[in-house]
């Protein structure tokens, strides 16, 4: 038979919703399979799950969707209450602390009103499965509830009922409850998808209805009952894990930056139960610190020197004596703190007092220790300078002794030297330790005075340094004020690149004869010139200089003649590039 326009539109909407739900469920299952991975051995895979729950909804007209959303919020709030306050009570009992919180908000009757035996979901399913069921019949059945969280409307409102949720009272309109709760997708549509498509994926989206459901032996699953089953599975999963809660607060309705609407924020905190939780927590002991951590932090304000100086032992007793001492000074009582088996339980005011006293004590100790610290720094620097000077003197003496022995042995091996030549040779060998002794002796024998020998040796030393060190590095070493013998030692060590200079360690510098002033000066010069070197290297890479000189061998006369007129331009280009 042909369907009417309204029936066809309902069928279209039902197919769209069913396909959307099936694709969404398939996508979530595939993502979970990829993320979860394979369990290793007999151990289950560990994971971190994020649950983004619905926001509590209370509109001018609330229907079946709002009841499901608020049911979810109510059930998760129930888990939050139990996890927060029941776990708190269990910890107090383990620590031997009297329970400070004897009552906590329990919304379990409200959850039972929705999902329990004889609850709203059961009544809605019964009316949905009844062939002559109506929205009005479901509403009248709900009015018979005696649950304290149920709100019966006035007689002038026949299609409504209310629930006292933890976030506030909500009135629901029961119009179209039965239609939204029923699975309006026809069996022949499911059979059409499962039989006509060539894709296994499409056939899996809308599987056919089981025969026991068609025959009526098993009731069809409604939207509300399916939602309740999923909610039970979710709560079971959450209960088996360690939960952490994040409350998201919207600062203002317009979502403007740097603007907080205080009444709007407060209403959200009240709806989420945060304010109530804070009030109840403050009545108990919200601050809980292990004994060792408490004593390690607050021992500095302990009244007894024996307790402060004691290494270990009787930590709970020391914590108790500390709290009793400051109790005599500040207006808090023994009910504001408690010593458990492994932790110290305190209220916020007690912690504020202890932190304030600790900060003042630390500042006083720091002021008293400042002169001693400054004196220690002065002594440390003086001792460091003395040891550095001693090491340099010892190195100089060791080098001088070794050099003197080598010089005397070499001079003694030479025959026919006068005492004046030997004395001058030994003197200059000490001044120029890096020269070969035969070369040095030859200079001394061929000069008449000490000044002439020194000038010749200085000139030879400059030539050796200039021959071995690049001009740019020689400029840097001169700017650093390094002695010529150090430059010669670097040339002898084959220092040819700036990278070698950058890579020198303190041990390398000491081996070359650097003193502390020369180390500092060279480091400053390297840092100041490094940016210029990097920039010059980049310019050379981007604009390489053209080679100067005659044309390459083998160029013909025609080539030489053709390039002759362009010589001034080439010279000009080279000048600009230089």
Protein backbone atom coordinates (compact mmCIF):
# COMPACT_ATOMS: atom_id res chain seq x y z
CA UNK A 1 0.00 0.00 0.00
CA UNK A 2 1.12 3.52 -0.70
CA UNK A 3 2.07 5.74 2.23
CA UNK A 4 0.72 9.18 2.82
CA UNK A 5 2.95 12.22 2.62
CA UNK A 6 3.34 12.39 6.42
CA UNK A 7 4.16 8.68 6.62
CA UNK A 8 6.72 9.03 3.82
CA UNK A 9 8.36 11.98 5.57
CA UNK A 10 8.49 10.05 8.86
CA UNK A 11 10.03 7.10 7.02
CA UNK A 12 12.64 9.33 5.41
CA UNK A 13 13.60 10.86 8.76
CA UNK A 14 13.75 7.44 10.41
CA UNK A 15 16.08 6.06 7.72
CA UNK A 16 18.35 9.11 7.98
CA UNK A 17 18.58 8.82 11.77
CA UNK A 18 19.25 5.08 11.63
CA UNK A 19 22.00 5.45 9.02
CA UNK A 20 23.62 8.31 10.91
CA UNK A 21 23.61 6.33 14.16
CA UNK A 22 24.99 3.19 12.51
CA UNK A 23 27.80 5.05 10.74
CA UNK A 24 28.68 6.90 13.94
CA UNK A 25 28.79 3.67 15.97
CA UNK A 26 30.92 1.99 13.30
CA UNK A 27 33.38 4.90 13.23
CA UNK A 28 33.73 4.91 17.03
CA UNK A 29 34.30 1.15 17.14
CA UNK A 30 37.02 1.36 14.47
CA UNK A 31 38.77 4.21 16.27
CA UNK A 32 38.69 2.26 19.52
CA UNK A 33 40.18 -0.78 17.82
CA UNK A 34 43.07 1.27 16.42
CA UNK A 35 43.74 3.23 19.61
CA UNK A 36 43.34 0.38 22.07
CA UNK A 37 45.94 -1.85 20.43
CA UNK A 38 46.62 -5.46 21.29
CA UNK A 39 46.87 -6.62 24.92
CA UNK A 40 50.35 -7.79 25.91
CA UNK A 41 50.26 -11.25 27.46
CA UNK A 42 47.71 -11.59 30.21
CA UNK A 43 47.77 -7.91 31.13
CA UNK A 44 45.02 -5.64 29.90
CA UNK A 45 45.89 -2.59 27.87
CA UNK A 46 46.11 0.58 29.95
CA UNK A 47 44.35 3.64 28.59
CA UNK A 48 43.23 7.17 29.36
CA UNK A 49 39.58 7.84 28.51
CA UNK A 50 37.99 11.26 28.07
CA UNK A 51 34.25 11.61 28.64
CA UNK A 52 32.63 14.80 27.36
CA UNK A 53 29.16 14.78 28.86
CA UNK A 54 26.08 16.73 27.85
CA UNK A 55 25.39 20.04 29.47
CA UNK A 56 22.37 20.25 31.75
CA UNK A 57 19.38 21.52 29.74
CA UNK A 58 16.34 23.39 30.98
CA UNK A 59 14.42 25.19 28.24
CA UNK A 60 11.02 26.75 28.03
CA UNK A 61 9.75 23.51 26.49
CA UNK A 62 11.56 20.31 27.47
CA UNK A 63 10.83 17.05 25.69
CA UNK A 64 12.11 13.48 25.46
CA UNK A 65 15.61 14.55 24.34
CA UNK A 66 16.06 16.83 27.35
CA UNK A 67 14.96 14.05 29.70
CA UNK A 68 17.63 11.70 28.29
CA UNK A 69 20.34 14.37 28.51
CA UNK A 70 19.43 15.36 32.06
CA UNK A 71 19.22 11.66 33.01
CA UNK A 72 22.84 11.29 31.87
CA UNK A 73 23.91 14.30 33.91
CA UNK A 74 22.02 13.00 36.95
CA UNK A 75 23.64 9.54 36.71
CA UNK A 76 27.16 10.96 36.30
CA UNK A 77 26.59 13.40 39.16
CA UNK A 78 25.61 10.39 41.26
CA UNK A 79 28.94 8.76 40.40
CA UNK A 80 30.73 12.03 41.23
CA UNK A 81 29.06 12.24 44.64
CA UNK A 82 29.87 8.66 45.50
CA UNK A 83 33.42 8.86 44.23
CA UNK A 84 34.14 12.15 46.00
CA UNK A 85 32.43 11.71 49.34
CA UNK A 86 32.41 7.93 49.73
CA UNK A 87 36.11 7.75 48.91
CA UNK A 88 36.69 10.60 51.32
CA UNK A 89 34.91 8.72 54.09
CA UNK A 90 36.84 5.54 53.27
CA UNK A 91 40.18 7.37 53.51
CA UNK A 92 39.21 8.90 56.87
CA UNK A 93 38.30 5.45 58.13
CA UNK A 94 41.63 3.99 56.98
CA UNK A 95 43.51 6.79 58.72
CA UNK A 96 41.50 6.44 61.94
CA UNK A 97 40.05 9.94 61.67
CA UNK A 98 36.46 10.61 62.84
CA UNK A 99 34.23 11.38 59.89
CA UNK A 100 33.86 15.13 59.56
CA UNK A 101 31.20 14.73 56.85
CA UNK A 102 28.30 12.65 58.07
CA UNK A 103 25.92 13.62 55.26
CA UNK A 104 26.54 14.28 51.62
CA UNK A 105 24.19 14.98 48.70
CA UNK A 106 22.66 11.73 47.49
CA UNK A 107 20.66 11.90 44.28
CA UNK A 108 20.22 8.14 44.00
CA UNK A 109 16.39 8.42 44.48
CA UNK A 110 16.29 10.80 41.50
CA UNK A 111 18.24 8.30 39.37
CA UNK A 112 15.87 5.52 40.52
CA UNK A 113 12.91 7.69 39.54
CA UNK A 114 14.14 7.63 35.93
CA UNK A 115 15.77 4.22 35.48
CA UNK A 116 14.60 2.10 38.42
CA UNK A 117 11.78 -0.41 38.74
CA UNK A 118 8.49 1.35 38.08
CA UNK A 119 10.43 4.39 36.92
CA UNK A 120 9.76 6.72 34.03
CA UNK A 121 11.65 4.65 31.43
CA UNK A 122 9.78 1.47 32.38
CA UNK A 123 6.43 3.26 32.25
CA UNK A 124 7.31 4.81 28.89
CA UNK A 125 8.33 1.43 27.41
CA UNK A 126 5.14 -0.19 28.66
CA UNK A 127 2.99 2.50 27.09
CA UNK A 128 5.03 2.34 23.85
CA UNK A 129 4.53 -1.44 23.49
CA UNK A 130 0.80 -1.10 24.19
CA UNK A 131 -1.05 -0.84 20.87
CA UNK A 132 -3.50 1.72 22.22
CA UNK A 133 -0.86 3.63 24.20
CA UNK A 134 -0.89 7.43 24.13
CA UNK A 135 1.17 10.25 25.51
CA UNK A 136 -1.68 11.15 27.85
CA UNK A 137 -1.84 7.60 29.23
CA UNK A 138 1.89 7.69 29.98
CA UNK A 139 1.50 11.07 31.70
CA UNK A 140 -1.30 9.86 33.94
CA UNK A 141 0.72 6.82 34.98
CA UNK A 142 3.68 9.02 35.99
CA UNK A 143 1.43 11.08 38.27
CA UNK A 144 1.02 8.08 40.52
CA UNK A 145 4.69 8.26 41.55
CA UNK A 146 5.43 9.01 45.22
CA UNK A 147 9.12 9.65 44.71
CA UNK A 148 10.15 12.87 46.51
CA UNK A 149 12.05 13.98 43.39
CA UNK A 150 8.90 13.81 41.22
CA UNK A 151 6.89 16.98 40.61
CA UNK A 152 3.21 16.57 39.80
CA UNK A 153 1.90 19.51 37.78
CA UNK A 154 -1.31 21.37 38.35
CA UNK A 155 -4.52 19.85 37.03
CA UNK A 156 -4.62 22.48 34.28
CA UNK A 157 -1.46 20.99 32.69
CA UNK A 158 -2.46 17.48 31.56
CA UNK A 159 0.61 16.68 29.39
CA UNK A 160 3.52 17.49 31.71
CA UNK A 161 5.46 16.33 34.75
CA UNK A 162 8.56 17.55 36.56
CA UNK A 163 11.77 16.20 38.12
CA UNK A 164 13.81 17.77 40.90
CA UNK A 165 17.29 17.39 39.41
CA UNK A 166 20.43 18.24 41.37
CA UNK A 167 20.84 21.34 39.17
CA UNK A 168 17.25 22.52 39.51
CA UNK A 169 13.61 21.65 38.82
CA UNK A 170 12.73 20.85 35.21
CA UNK A 171 9.22 20.49 33.75
CA UNK A 172 8.86 18.10 30.79
CA UNK A 173 6.16 18.17 28.11
CA UNK A 174 5.12 14.62 27.17
CA UNK A 175 3.88 15.42 23.68
CA UNK A 176 5.35 12.91 21.14
CA UNK A 177 7.15 10.98 23.89
CA UNK A 178 5.86 7.65 22.58
CA UNK A 179 6.73 8.42 18.95
CA UNK A 180 10.29 9.48 19.85
CA UNK A 181 10.75 6.43 22.06
CA UNK A 182 9.60 3.89 19.45
CA UNK A 183 11.82 2.59 16.66
CA UNK A 184 9.85 3.94 13.70
CA UNK A 185 12.05 2.27 11.08
CA UNK A 186 9.94 -0.37 9.31
CA UNK A 187 11.11 -3.97 8.99
CA UNK A 188 10.81 -3.96 5.18
CA UNK A 189 13.24 -0.99 5.00
CA UNK A 190 15.84 -2.98 6.95
CA UNK A 191 15.28 -5.98 4.68
CA UNK A 192 15.64 -3.74 1.64
CA UNK A 193 19.05 -2.45 2.76
CA UNK A 194 20.32 -5.86 3.86
CA UNK A 195 19.35 -7.61 0.61
CA UNK A 196 19.72 -5.07 -2.18
CA UNK A 197 23.12 -3.56 -1.56
CA UNK A 198 26.29 -5.08 -3.00
CA UNK A 199 28.45 -3.63 -0.20
CA UNK A 200 29.04 -5.54 3.01
CA UNK A 201 29.45 -2.25 4.82
CA UNK A 202 25.99 -1.01 3.73
CA UNK A 203 24.39 -4.31 4.67
CA UNK A 204 25.98 -4.10 8.14
CA UNK A 205 24.53 -0.65 8.80
CA UNK A 206 20.88 -1.77 8.91
CA UNK A 207 20.78 -5.49 9.72
CA UNK A 208 17.44 -7.32 9.40
CA UNK A 209 15.15 -7.72 12.40
CA UNK A 210 15.57 -11.09 14.21
CA UNK A 211 12.77 -13.61 13.76
CA UNK A 212 11.95 -13.73 17.50
CA UNK A 213 11.31 -9.99 17.41
CA UNK A 214 9.12 -10.30 14.31
CA UNK A 215 7.09 -13.08 15.89
CA UNK A 216 6.57 -11.05 19.04
CA UNK A 217 8.33 -13.49 21.38
CA UNK A 218 10.85 -10.72 22.22
CA UNK A 219 9.87 -7.11 22.65
CA UNK A 220 11.47 -4.51 20.45
CA UNK A 221 14.15 -2.37 21.99
CA UNK A 222 13.04 1.20 22.49
CA UNK A 223 15.20 4.30 22.43
CA UNK A 224 14.83 4.85 26.18
CA UNK A 225 15.73 1.28 27.14
CA UNK A 226 18.70 1.29 24.75
CA UNK A 227 19.84 4.57 26.28
CA UNK A 228 19.53 3.11 29.79
CA UNK A 229 21.61 0.05 28.78
CA UNK A 230 24.36 2.24 27.33
CA UNK A 231 24.30 4.42 30.45
CA UNK A 232 24.72 1.37 32.69
CA UNK A 233 27.71 0.18 30.64
CA UNK A 234 29.28 3.63 30.82
CA UNK A 235 28.86 3.86 34.59
CA UNK A 236 30.34 0.39 35.01
CA UNK A 237 33.35 1.42 32.92
CA UNK A 238 33.85 4.64 34.89
CA UNK A 239 33.54 2.87 38.22
CA UNK A 240 36.36 0.48 37.29
CA UNK A 241 38.78 3.37 36.63
CA UNK A 242 40.34 6.21 38.59
CA UNK A 243 38.29 9.30 37.82
CA UNK A 244 39.36 12.93 37.55
CA UNK A 245 36.80 15.67 36.99
CA UNK A 246 37.09 18.85 34.94
CA UNK A 247 34.30 21.40 35.17
CA UNK A 248 34.01 23.72 32.19
CA UNK A 249 32.51 27.14 32.92
CA UNK A 250 31.35 29.61 30.30
CA UNK A 251 32.35 33.15 31.38
CA UNK A 252 29.52 35.02 29.65
CA UNK A 253 26.60 34.21 27.32
CA UNK A 254 28.05 36.28 24.45
CA UNK A 255 31.42 34.48 24.55
CA UNK A 256 33.28 37.81 24.66
CA UNK A 257 36.95 37.77 25.73
CA UNK A 258 38.12 39.24 29.04
CA UNK A 259 34.58 39.45 30.37
CA UNK A 260 33.14 37.45 33.26
CA UNK A 261 29.44 37.59 34.12
CA UNK A 262 29.52 36.70 37.83
CA UNK A 263 25.84 35.73 38.24
CA UNK A 264 26.05 33.65 35.05
CA UNK A 265 29.20 31.86 36.25
CA UNK A 266 27.73 31.31 39.73
CA UNK A 267 24.61 29.72 38.27
CA UNK A 268 26.78 27.27 36.30
CA UNK A 269 28.78 26.37 39.40
CA UNK A 270 25.58 25.80 41.33
CA UNK A 271 24.15 23.68 38.53
CA UNK A 272 27.31 21.57 38.42
CA UNK A 273 27.27 21.07 42.18
CA UNK A 274 30.69 22.68 42.58
CA UNK A 275 29.64 25.20 45.24
CA UNK A 276 27.93 22.52 47.29
CA UNK A 277 30.97 20.26 47.00
CA UNK A 278 33.29 23.04 48.16
CA UNK A 279 31.08 23.84 51.15
CA UNK A 280 30.95 20.21 52.21
CA UNK A 281 34.68 19.74 51.66
CA UNK A 282 35.49 22.75 53.82
CA UNK A 283 33.54 21.23 56.68
CA UNK A 284 35.97 18.30 56.62
CA UNK A 285 39.74 18.19 56.13
CA UNK A 286 40.44 19.15 52.51
CA UNK A 287 44.22 19.38 53.03
CA UNK A 288 45.97 16.05 53.57
CA UNK A 289 49.76 15.77 53.65
CA UNK A 290 51.86 12.68 54.44
CA UNK A 291 53.77 12.88 57.74
CA UNK A 292 57.23 13.00 56.17
CA UNK A 293 56.28 15.70 53.65
CA UNK A 294 54.60 17.79 56.35
CA UNK A 295 57.61 17.60 58.66
CA UNK A 296 60.09 18.25 55.84
CA UNK A 297 58.27 21.46 54.94
CA UNK A 298 57.36 22.85 58.36
CA UNK A 299 60.21 21.63 60.58
CA UNK A 300 61.78 25.07 60.26
CA UNK A 301 59.02 26.50 62.50
CA UNK A 302 59.06 23.64 65.02
CA UNK A 303 59.16 25.02 68.61
CA UNK A 304 61.61 22.44 69.92
CA UNK A 305 65.27 22.44 68.89
CA UNK A 306 65.39 18.74 69.68
CA UNK A 307 62.60 18.11 67.17
CA UNK A 308 64.25 20.30 64.53
CA UNK A 309 67.61 18.61 64.92
CA UNK A 310 66.24 15.07 65.16
CA UNK A 311 67.02 13.08 62.05
CA UNK A 312 64.26 10.47 62.10
CA UNK A 313 61.77 8.83 64.39
CA UNK A 314 58.37 9.71 65.84
CA UNK A 315 57.38 11.90 62.91
CA UNK A 316 53.64 11.87 63.83
CA UNK A 317 54.50 13.01 67.36
CA UNK A 318 56.67 15.85 66.09
CA UNK A 319 53.89 16.96 63.71
CA UNK A 320 51.37 16.92 66.57
CA UNK A 321 53.63 18.98 68.89
CA UNK A 322 54.18 21.54 66.13
CA UNK A 323 50.44 21.97 65.58
CA UNK A 324 49.71 22.16 69.31
CA UNK A 325 52.33 24.88 69.74
CA UNK A 326 50.89 27.13 67.05
CA UNK A 327 47.38 26.37 68.29
CA UNK A 328 48.30 28.31 71.43
CA UNK A 329 49.27 31.34 69.32
CA UNK A 330 46.57 31.39 66.64
CA UNK A 331 42.79 30.98 66.99
CA UNK A 332 42.31 27.45 65.69
CA UNK A 333 41.31 24.46 67.75
CA UNK A 334 42.11 20.78 67.87
CA UNK A 335 39.05 20.11 65.71
CA UNK A 336 40.72 21.96 62.84
CA UNK A 337 43.40 19.30 62.39
CA UNK A 338 43.98 15.61 63.01
CA UNK A 339 46.94 13.24 62.86
CA UNK A 340 46.16 10.07 60.93
CA UNK A 341 48.17 6.91 60.56
CA UNK A 342 50.07 8.17 57.52
CA UNK A 343 48.81 11.73 56.88
CA UNK A 344 48.16 15.05 58.59
CA UNK A 345 44.58 16.27 58.07
CA UNK A 346 44.01 20.02 58.20
CA UNK A 347 41.52 22.69 57.34
CA UNK A 348 42.57 25.54 55.04
CA UNK A 349 43.00 28.11 57.84
CA UNK A 350 45.58 25.95 59.61
CA UNK A 351 47.60 25.54 56.43
CA UNK A 352 47.50 29.29 55.79
CA UNK A 353 48.85 29.95 59.30
CA UNK A 354 51.70 27.47 58.92
CA UNK A 355 52.67 28.72 55.47
CA UNK A 356 52.68 32.31 56.71
CA UNK A 357 54.90 31.46 59.68
CA UNK A 358 57.22 29.43 57.49
CA UNK A 359 57.63 32.27 54.97
CA UNK A 360 58.49 34.72 57.77
CA UNK A 361 60.96 32.29 59.32
CA UNK A 362 62.70 31.60 56.01
CA UNK A 363 63.03 35.34 55.33
CA UNK A 364 64.54 35.89 58.78
CA UNK A 365 67.02 33.05 58.29
CA UNK A 366 67.97 34.37 54.89
CA UNK A 367 68.61 37.87 56.26
CA UNK A 368 70.77 36.41 59.02
CA UNK A 369 72.69 34.21 56.59
CA UNK A 370 73.29 36.90 53.95
CA UNK A 371 76.49 38.36 55.54
CA UNK A 372 77.90 34.87 56.00
CA UNK A 373 77.10 33.98 52.40
CA UNK A 374 78.73 37.15 51.11
CA UNK A 375 81.84 36.53 53.20
CA UNK A 376 81.99 32.98 51.90
CA UNK A 377 81.76 34.22 48.30
CA UNK A 378 84.64 36.65 48.90
CA UNK A 379 86.77 33.92 50.48
CA UNK A 380 85.90 31.50 47.68
CA UNK A 381 86.89 33.96 44.95
CA UNK A 382 90.13 34.88 46.72
CA UNK A 383 91.03 31.21 47.23
CA UNK A 384 90.21 30.48 43.59
CA UNK A 385 92.45 33.33 42.41
CA UNK A 386 95.25 32.16 44.74
CA UNK A 387 95.05 28.59 43.47
CA UNK A 388 95.00 29.81 39.86
CA UNK A 389 98.10 31.93 40.45
CA UNK A 390 99.79 29.03 42.22
CA UNK A 391 99.04 26.67 39.32
CA UNK A 392 100.41 29.20 36.81
CA UNK A 393 103.55 29.71 38.87
CA UNK A 394 104.07 25.97 39.24
CA UNK A 395 103.60 25.51 35.50
CA UNK A 396 106.05 28.30 34.77
CA UNK A 397 108.64 26.86 37.13
CA UNK A 398 108.17 23.36 35.73
CA UNK A 399 108.52 24.64 32.18
CA UNK A 400 111.52 26.79 33.13
CA UNK A 401 113.23 23.86 34.85
CA UNK A 402 112.67 21.55 31.92
CA UNK A 403 113.77 24.21 29.44
CA UNK A 404 116.81 25.15 31.53
CA UNK A 405 117.97 21.54 31.69
CA UNK A 406 117.56 21.13 27.92
CA UNK A 407 119.37 24.41 27.24
CA UNK A 408 122.30 23.60 29.52
CA UNK A 409 122.64 20.14 28.04
CA UNK A 410 122.60 21.50 24.47
CA UNK A 411 125.05 24.29 25.29
CA UNK A 412 127.39 21.88 27.06
CA UNK A 413 127.45 19.64 24.01
CA UNK A 414 128.66 22.47 21.76
CA UNK A 415 132.43 23.01 21.62
CA UNK A 416 134.24 26.34 21.33
CA UNK A 417 131.49 28.59 22.78
CA UNK A 418 132.51 31.53 24.89
CA UNK A 419 130.90 32.24 28.23
CA UNK A 420 129.24 35.38 26.79
CA UNK A 421 127.61 33.40 23.96
CA UNK A 422 126.43 30.64 26.32
CA UNK A 423 124.94 33.20 28.73
CA UNK A 424 123.13 35.07 25.92
CA UNK A 425 121.98 31.77 24.40
CA UNK A 426 120.51 30.58 27.71
CA UNK A 427 118.80 33.95 28.28
CA UNK A 428 117.17 34.07 24.84
CA UNK A 429 116.18 30.40 24.96
CA UNK A 430 114.12 31.20 28.06
CA UNK A 431 112.48 34.22 26.36
CA UNK A 432 111.78 32.33 23.07
CA UNK A 433 110.99 28.76 24.26
CA UNK A 434 109.36 27.69 20.98
CA UNK A 435 112.46 28.19 18.81
CA UNK A 436 114.63 25.26 17.86
CA UNK A 437 117.85 25.42 19.85
CA UNK A 438 120.19 25.09 16.82
CA UNK A 439 118.43 28.00 15.07
CA UNK A 440 118.58 30.07 18.24
CA UNK A 441 122.30 29.34 18.70
CA UNK A 442 122.99 30.32 15.10
CA UNK A 443 121.29 33.70 15.61
CA UNK A 444 123.30 34.34 18.78
CA UNK A 445 126.62 33.48 17.13
CA UNK A 446 125.98 35.80 14.17
CA UNK A 447 124.91 38.89 16.12
CA UNK A 448 126.96 41.31 18.14
CA UNK A 449 124.47 42.46 20.79
CA UNK A 450 121.43 41.16 22.61
CA UNK A 451 119.16 43.79 20.99
CA UNK A 452 120.11 42.64 17.48
CA UNK A 453 119.41 39.00 18.37
CA UNK A 454 116.04 39.89 19.88
CA UNK A 455 115.01 41.90 16.79
CA UNK A 456 115.96 39.04 14.48
CA UNK A 457 114.15 36.46 16.59
CA UNK A 458 111.02 38.66 16.83
CA UNK A 459 110.98 39.10 13.07
CA UNK A 460 111.40 35.36 12.54
CA UNK A 461 108.61 34.68 15.01
CA UNK A 462 106.21 37.04 13.20
CA UNK A 463 107.05 35.42 9.88
CA UNK A 464 106.39 31.96 11.25
CA UNK A 465 103.03 33.01 12.70
CA UNK A 466 102.00 34.82 9.52
CA UNK A 467 102.97 31.82 7.44
CA UNK A 468 100.96 29.35 9.43
CA UNK A 469 97.90 31.32 10.61
CA UNK A 470 95.29 32.76 8.20
CA UNK A 471 95.09 36.53 8.11
CA UNK A 472 91.58 36.68 9.61
CA UNK A 473 92.58 34.45 12.53
CA UNK A 474 95.80 36.43 13.04
CA UNK A 475 93.69 39.59 13.27
CA UNK A 476 91.47 38.02 15.91
CA UNK A 477 94.44 36.83 17.96
CA UNK A 478 96.00 40.30 17.79
CA UNK A 479 92.73 41.90 18.91
CA UNK A 480 92.66 39.49 21.84
CA UNK A 481 96.14 40.71 22.82
CA UNK A 482 97.67 37.24 22.81
CA UNK A 483 101.37 37.04 23.29
CA UNK A 484 103.48 36.14 20.29
CA UNK A 485 104.70 32.93 21.85
CA UNK A 486 101.09 31.77 22.26
CA UNK A 487 100.34 32.58 18.63
CA UNK A 488 103.45 30.65 17.62
CA UNK A 489 102.32 27.72 19.78
CA UNK A 490 98.93 27.77 18.03
CA UNK A 491 100.67 27.82 14.66
CA UNK A 492 102.79 24.87 15.73
CA UNK A 493 99.59 23.02 16.71
CA UNK A 494 98.29 23.63 13.15
CA UNK A 495 95.37 25.94 14.04
CA UNK A 496 94.09 26.91 10.59
CA UNK A 497 90.31 27.50 10.95
CA UNK A 498 87.98 29.45 13.19
CA UNK A 499 86.17 26.24 14.12
CA UNK A 500 89.36 24.99 15.76
CA UNK A 501 89.50 28.15 17.85
CA UNK A 502 85.80 27.79 18.77
CA UNK A 503 86.37 24.22 19.89
CA UNK A 504 89.23 24.97 22.30
CA UNK A 505 88.60 23.89 25.89
CA UNK A 506 90.13 25.33 29.06
CA UNK A 507 92.60 22.45 29.11
CA UNK A 508 93.67 23.25 25.53
CA UNK A 509 94.18 26.92 26.39
CA UNK A 510 96.17 26.09 29.51
CA UNK A 511 98.35 23.74 27.48
CA UNK A 512 99.12 26.57 25.05
CA UNK A 513 100.08 28.90 27.91
CA UNK A 514 96.94 31.09 28.19
CA UNK A 515 96.37 32.99 31.41
CA UNK A 516 92.87 33.81 32.69
CA UNK A 517 92.85 37.34 31.25
CA UNK A 518 93.79 36.06 27.80
CA UNK A 519 91.07 33.37 27.99
CA UNK A 520 88.39 35.94 28.78
CA UNK A 521 89.59 38.38 26.14
CA UNK A 522 89.67 35.73 23.40
CA UNK A 523 86.15 34.56 24.29
CA UNK A 524 84.84 38.13 24.04
CA UNK A 525 86.51 38.69 20.68
CA UNK A 526 85.15 35.43 19.28
CA UNK A 527 81.60 36.28 20.38
CA UNK A 528 81.83 39.81 18.95
CA UNK A 529 83.25 38.64 15.59
CA UNK A 530 81.14 35.51 15.19
CA UNK A 531 78.10 37.29 13.72
CA UNK A 532 80.32 39.14 11.22
CA UNK A 533 81.94 35.87 10.13
CA UNK A 534 78.59 34.17 9.64
CA UNK A 535 77.28 37.10 7.60
CA UNK A 536 80.44 37.15 5.45
CA UNK A 537 80.22 33.41 4.80
CA UNK A 538 76.59 33.75 3.70
CA UNK A 539 77.49 36.63 1.36
CA UNK A 540 80.32 34.56 -0.13
CA UNK A 541 77.87 31.70 -0.73
CA UNK A 542 75.27 33.97 -2.34
CA UNK A 543 77.70 36.16 -4.33
CA UNK A 544 80.95 34.25 -4.99
CA UNK A 545 83.89 36.36 -6.17
CA UNK A 546 85.02 36.00 -9.77
CA UNK A 547 88.58 34.67 -10.13
CA UNK A 548 91.19 37.32 -10.91
CA UNK A 549 94.14 36.79 -13.29
CA UNK A 550 94.82 35.83 -16.90
CA UNK A 551 92.38 33.74 -18.94
CA UNK A 552 92.65 29.97 -18.57
CA UNK A 553 95.33 28.20 -20.65
CA UNK A 554 94.27 27.16 -24.10
CA UNK A 555 92.10 30.18 -24.83
CA UNK A 556 92.56 31.31 -28.45
CA UNK A 557 93.54 34.71 -29.73
CA UNK A 558 90.02 35.41 -30.84
CA UNK A 559 88.81 34.87 -27.32
CA UNK A 560 91.46 37.19 -25.93
CA UNK A 561 90.63 39.90 -28.45
CA UNK A 562 86.91 39.62 -27.90
CA UNK A 563 87.29 39.99 -24.15
CA UNK A 564 89.66 42.94 -24.33
CA UNK A 565 87.04 45.68 -24.66
CA UNK A 566 85.12 44.33 -21.68
CA UNK A 567 88.14 44.44 -19.36
CA UNK A 568 87.23 47.77 -17.69
CA UNK A 569 83.70 46.50 -16.97
CA UNK A 570 85.06 43.25 -15.50
CA UNK A 571 87.46 45.17 -13.34
CA UNK A 572 84.61 47.40 -12.19
CA UNK A 573 82.48 44.34 -11.29
CA UNK A 574 85.35 42.81 -9.34
CA UNK A 575 85.87 46.06 -7.50
CA UNK A 576 82.19 46.28 -6.55
CA UNK A 577 82.11 42.65 -5.45
CA UNK A 578 85.23 43.11 -3.37
